Amino acid sequence: MGLMKKLYDIIDQSLKGGNMKTVKYEIKLERSVKIILGALAVGVLLHALPMAGQGLFSKAEAYSDEVYKITLCDKFGYKCNNGQ
């Protein structure tokens, strides 16, 4: 019974994080670097906001008064349908 108790205690401690160590890293940046990074973040956010209303891929529209004719040919460039 003593072995089961020890095993239970080890599992209980590991689930609670008793055997884990926490490592913290502190990064210190100059004020000017923080301002530049903040400005970049705001710029990216403002650039992305118009896309939020349209979705990622919006409908493509082209406006022109010109009409273009397209001819389909075989892979060698022969036997074209000449727009028919």
N, C-alpha and C. Protein backbone atom coordinates (compact mmCIF):
# COMPACT_ATOMS: atom_id res chain seq x y z
N MET A 1 0.81 -1.19 0.00
CA MET A 1 0.00 0.00 0.00
C MET A 1 0.86 1.27 0.00
N GLY A 2 2.05 1.20 0.59
CA GLY A 2 2.94 2.36 0.65
C GLY A 2 3.42 2.79 -0.72
N LEU A 3 3.68 1.82 -1.61
CA LEU A 3 4.13 2.13 -2.96
C LEU A 3 3.04 2.85 -3.75
N MET A 4 1.81 2.41 -3.61
CA MET A 4 0.68 3.04 -4.31
C MET A 4 0.49 4.48 -3.83
N LYS A 5 0.69 4.71 -2.54
CA LYS A 5 0.54 6.05 -1.96
C LYS A 5 1.60 6.98 -2.55
N LYS A 6 2.85 6.48 -2.62
CA LYS A 6 3.94 7.29 -3.18
C LYS A 6 3.67 7.60 -4.66
N LEU A 7 3.22 6.60 -5.40
CA LEU A 7 2.91 6.78 -6.81
C LEU A 7 1.79 7.80 -6.98
N TYR A 8 0.77 7.70 -6.14
CA TYR A 8 -0.34 8.65 -6.19
C TYR A 8 0.15 10.06 -5.91
N ASP A 9 1.02 10.22 -4.91
CA ASP A 9 1.53 11.55 -4.57
C ASP A 9 2.37 12.14 -5.70
N ILE A 10 3.18 11.31 -6.36
CA ILE A 10 4.01 11.79 -7.47
C ILE A 10 3.12 12.25 -8.63
N ILE A 11 2.11 11.47 -8.96
CA ILE A 11 1.19 11.85 -10.04
C ILE A 11 0.42 13.10 -9.68
N ASP A 12 -0.01 13.20 -8.44
CA ASP A 12 -0.76 14.37 -7.98
C ASP A 12 0.09 15.63 -8.06
N GLN A 13 1.36 15.55 -7.64
CA GLN A 13 2.24 16.71 -7.69
C GLN A 13 2.53 17.13 -9.13
N SER A 14 2.74 16.15 -10.01
CA SER A 14 3.04 16.50 -11.39
C SER A 14 1.84 17.12 -12.09
N LEU A 15 0.63 16.68 -11.73
CA LEU A 15 -0.56 17.29 -12.33
C LEU A 15 -0.78 18.70 -11.82
N LYS A 16 -0.39 18.96 -10.59
CA LYS A 16 -0.53 20.30 -10.02
C LYS A 16 0.62 21.21 -10.42
N GLY A 17 1.62 20.65 -11.06
CA GLY A 17 2.77 21.46 -11.46
C GLY A 17 3.81 21.56 -10.37
N GLY A 18 3.80 20.68 -9.41
CA GLY A 18 4.74 20.73 -8.30
C GLY A 18 6.18 20.47 -8.72
N ASN A 19 6.38 19.68 -9.74
CA ASN A 19 7.74 19.36 -10.17
C ASN A 19 8.20 20.25 -11.32
N MET A 20 7.38 21.17 -11.74
CA MET A 20 7.73 22.00 -12.88
C MET A 20 8.35 23.31 -12.40
N LYS A 21 9.30 23.78 -13.19
CA LYS A 21 9.92 25.06 -12.90
C LYS A 21 9.47 26.06 -13.95
N THR A 22 9.22 27.26 -13.53
CA THR A 22 8.81 28.32 -14.44
C THR A 22 10.02 29.19 -14.74
N VAL A 23 10.26 29.42 -16.03
CA VAL A 23 11.38 30.26 -16.46
C VAL A 23 10.79 31.51 -17.08
N LYS A 24 11.22 32.66 -16.61
CA LYS A 24 10.74 33.93 -17.15
C LYS A 24 11.89 34.66 -17.80
N TYR A 25 11.63 35.18 -18.99
CA TYR A 25 12.60 36.00 -19.68
C TYR A 25 12.04 37.41 -19.77
N GLU A 26 12.89 38.36 -19.51
CA GLU A 26 12.45 39.74 -19.58
C GLU A 26 13.21 40.43 -20.70
N ILE A 27 12.47 41.02 -21.61
CA ILE A 27 13.10 41.73 -22.73
C ILE A 27 12.87 43.22 -22.51
N LYS A 28 13.95 43.94 -22.48
CA LYS A 28 13.84 45.39 -22.29
C LYS A 28 14.14 46.08 -23.61
N LEU A 29 13.21 46.92 -24.04
CA LEU A 29 13.36 47.67 -25.28
C LEU A 29 13.40 49.16 -24.97
N GLU A 30 14.12 49.87 -25.80
CA GLU A 30 14.14 51.32 -25.63
C GLU A 30 12.78 51.90 -26.01
N ARG A 31 12.53 53.07 -25.51
CA ARG A 31 11.22 53.71 -25.76
C ARG A 31 10.99 53.94 -27.25
N SER A 32 12.03 54.33 -27.97
CA SER A 32 11.88 54.60 -29.40
C SER A 32 11.52 53.32 -30.17
N VAL A 33 12.07 52.19 -29.76
CA VAL A 33 11.76 50.92 -30.41
C VAL A 33 10.31 50.54 -30.14
N LYS A 34 9.85 50.79 -28.93
CA LYS A 34 8.45 50.50 -28.59
C LYS A 34 7.51 51.37 -29.43
N ILE A 35 7.87 52.63 -29.62
CA ILE A 35 7.03 53.54 -30.42
C ILE A 35 6.99 53.09 -31.87
N ILE A 36 8.15 52.69 -32.42
CA ILE A 36 8.20 52.24 -33.81
C ILE A 36 7.37 50.97 -33.99
N LEU A 37 7.53 50.01 -33.08
CA LEU A 37 6.75 48.76 -33.17
C LEU A 37 5.26 49.03 -33.02
N GLY A 38 4.89 49.94 -32.14
CA GLY A 38 3.48 50.31 -31.97
C GLY A 38 2.92 50.95 -33.21
N ALA A 39 3.70 51.83 -33.84
CA ALA A 39 3.25 52.49 -35.07
C ALA A 39 3.08 51.47 -36.20
N LEU A 40 3.99 50.52 -36.29
CA LEU A 40 3.85 49.47 -37.30
C LEU A 40 2.61 48.62 -37.05
N ALA A 41 2.36 48.29 -35.80
CA ALA A 41 1.18 47.48 -35.48
C ALA A 41 -0.10 48.22 -35.82
N VAL A 42 -0.16 49.50 -35.51
CA VAL A 42 -1.34 50.30 -35.83
C VAL A 42 -1.51 50.40 -37.35
N GLY A 43 -0.42 50.58 -38.07
CA GLY A 43 -0.48 50.66 -39.53
C GLY A 43 -1.00 49.38 -40.16
N VAL A 44 -0.52 48.25 -39.67
CA VAL A 44 -0.99 46.96 -40.20
C VAL A 44 -2.47 46.78 -39.88
N LEU A 45 -2.88 47.16 -38.70
CA LEU A 45 -4.29 47.04 -38.30
C LEU A 45 -5.18 47.92 -39.16
N LEU A 46 -4.76 49.17 -39.38
CA LEU A 46 -5.56 50.08 -40.20
C LEU A 46 -5.61 49.63 -41.66
N HIS A 47 -4.54 48.99 -42.11
CA HIS A 47 -4.51 48.48 -43.48
C HIS A 47 -5.45 47.28 -43.64
N ALA A 48 -5.61 46.50 -42.59
CA ALA A 48 -6.43 45.29 -42.65
C ALA A 48 -7.91 45.56 -42.42
N LEU A 49 -8.26 46.68 -41.81
CA LEU A 49 -9.67 46.96 -41.50
C LEU A 49 -10.58 47.03 -42.73
N PRO A 50 -10.18 47.66 -43.83
CA PRO A 50 -11.08 47.67 -45.00
C PRO A 50 -11.37 46.27 -45.53
N MET A 51 -10.46 45.34 -45.36
CA MET A 51 -10.68 43.98 -45.84
C MET A 51 -11.69 43.23 -44.97
N ALA A 52 -11.90 43.67 -43.75
CA ALA A 52 -12.81 42.97 -42.85
C ALA A 52 -14.24 43.02 -43.37
N GLY A 53 -14.64 44.12 -43.99
CA GLY A 53 -16.00 44.25 -44.51
C GLY A 53 -16.21 43.49 -45.81
N GLN A 54 -15.15 43.35 -46.62
CA GLN A 54 -15.28 42.71 -47.92
C GLN A 54 -14.96 41.22 -47.87
N GLY A 55 -14.29 40.80 -46.86
CA GLY A 55 -13.82 39.42 -46.82
C GLY A 55 -12.41 39.37 -47.38
N LEU A 56 -11.81 38.23 -47.32
CA LEU A 56 -10.43 38.10 -47.76
C LEU A 56 -10.33 38.24 -49.28
N PHE A 57 -11.24 37.62 -50.01
CA PHE A 57 -11.23 37.72 -51.46
C PHE A 57 -12.50 38.44 -51.90
N SER A 58 -12.34 39.62 -52.43
CA SER A 58 -13.52 40.38 -52.85
C SER A 58 -13.79 40.13 -54.33
N LYS A 59 -14.95 40.56 -54.78
CA LYS A 59 -15.35 40.41 -56.17
C LYS A 59 -14.51 41.34 -57.04
N ALA A 60 -13.97 40.81 -58.11
CA ALA A 60 -13.15 41.61 -59.01
C ALA A 60 -14.06 42.27 -60.05
N GLU A 61 -13.89 43.56 -60.22
CA GLU A 61 -14.69 44.29 -61.19
C GLU A 61 -13.77 45.09 -62.09
N ALA A 62 -14.07 45.10 -63.37
CA ALA A 62 -13.29 45.89 -64.33
C ALA A 62 -14.27 46.71 -65.16
N TYR A 63 -13.95 47.98 -65.34
CA TYR A 63 -14.80 48.86 -66.12
C TYR A 63 -14.02 49.34 -67.33
N SER A 64 -14.59 49.12 -68.52
CA SER A 64 -13.93 49.57 -69.74
C SER A 64 -14.98 49.68 -70.85
N ASP A 65 -14.74 50.58 -71.78
CA ASP A 65 -15.63 50.73 -72.94
C ASP A 65 -15.14 49.89 -74.11
N GLU A 66 -13.97 49.28 -73.98
CA GLU A 66 -13.40 48.51 -75.07
C GLU A 66 -13.86 47.06 -75.01
N VAL A 67 -13.97 46.45 -76.21
CA VAL A 67 -14.35 45.04 -76.31
C VAL A 67 -13.15 44.29 -76.86
N TYR A 68 -12.81 43.19 -76.21
CA TYR A 68 -11.67 42.39 -76.65
C TYR A 68 -12.17 41.06 -77.21
N LYS A 69 -11.59 40.66 -78.34
CA LYS A 69 -11.91 39.35 -78.92
C LYS A 69 -10.81 38.38 -78.53
N ILE A 70 -11.22 37.18 -78.19
CA ILE A 70 -10.27 36.16 -77.78
C ILE A 70 -10.45 34.96 -78.69
N THR A 71 -9.34 34.39 -79.14
CA THR A 71 -9.37 33.22 -80.00
C THR A 71 -8.74 32.05 -79.27
N LEU A 72 -9.40 30.90 -79.33
CA LEU A 72 -8.87 29.69 -78.70
C LEU A 72 -8.14 28.86 -79.74
N CYS A 73 -6.92 28.44 -79.39
CA CYS A 73 -6.11 27.63 -80.30
C CYS A 73 -5.68 26.35 -79.59
N ASP A 74 -5.10 25.43 -80.36
CA ASP A 74 -4.57 24.23 -79.72
C ASP A 74 -3.24 24.58 -79.03
N LYS A 75 -2.63 23.59 -78.42
CA LYS A 75 -1.44 23.86 -77.60
C LYS A 75 -0.23 24.30 -78.43
N PHE A 76 -0.27 24.12 -79.75
CA PHE A 76 0.85 24.53 -80.60
C PHE A 76 0.60 25.90 -81.23
N GLY A 77 -0.58 26.48 -81.04
CA GLY A 77 -0.90 27.78 -81.59
C GLY A 77 -1.56 27.72 -82.95
N TYR A 78 -1.94 26.52 -83.38
CA TYR A 78 -2.60 26.33 -84.67
C TYR A 78 -4.04 25.92 -84.43
N LYS A 79 -4.77 25.75 -85.49
CA LYS A 79 -6.17 25.33 -85.43
C LYS A 79 -6.98 26.25 -84.51
N CYS A 80 -6.92 27.53 -84.82
CA CYS A 80 -7.64 28.50 -84.02
C CYS A 80 -9.08 28.63 -84.52
N ASN A 81 -9.98 28.99 -83.66
CA ASN A 81 -11.38 29.14 -84.06
C ASN A 81 -11.68 30.53 -84.58
N ASN A 82 -10.70 31.44 -84.55
CA ASN A 82 -10.82 32.80 -85.06
C ASN A 82 -12.05 33.54 -84.54
N GLY A 83 -12.34 33.37 -83.28
CA GLY A 83 -13.43 34.10 -82.67
C GLY A 83 -14.80 33.60 -83.00
N GLN A 84 -14.92 32.43 -83.61
CA GLN A 84 -16.24 31.90 -84.00
C GLN A 84 -16.76 30.98 -82.94
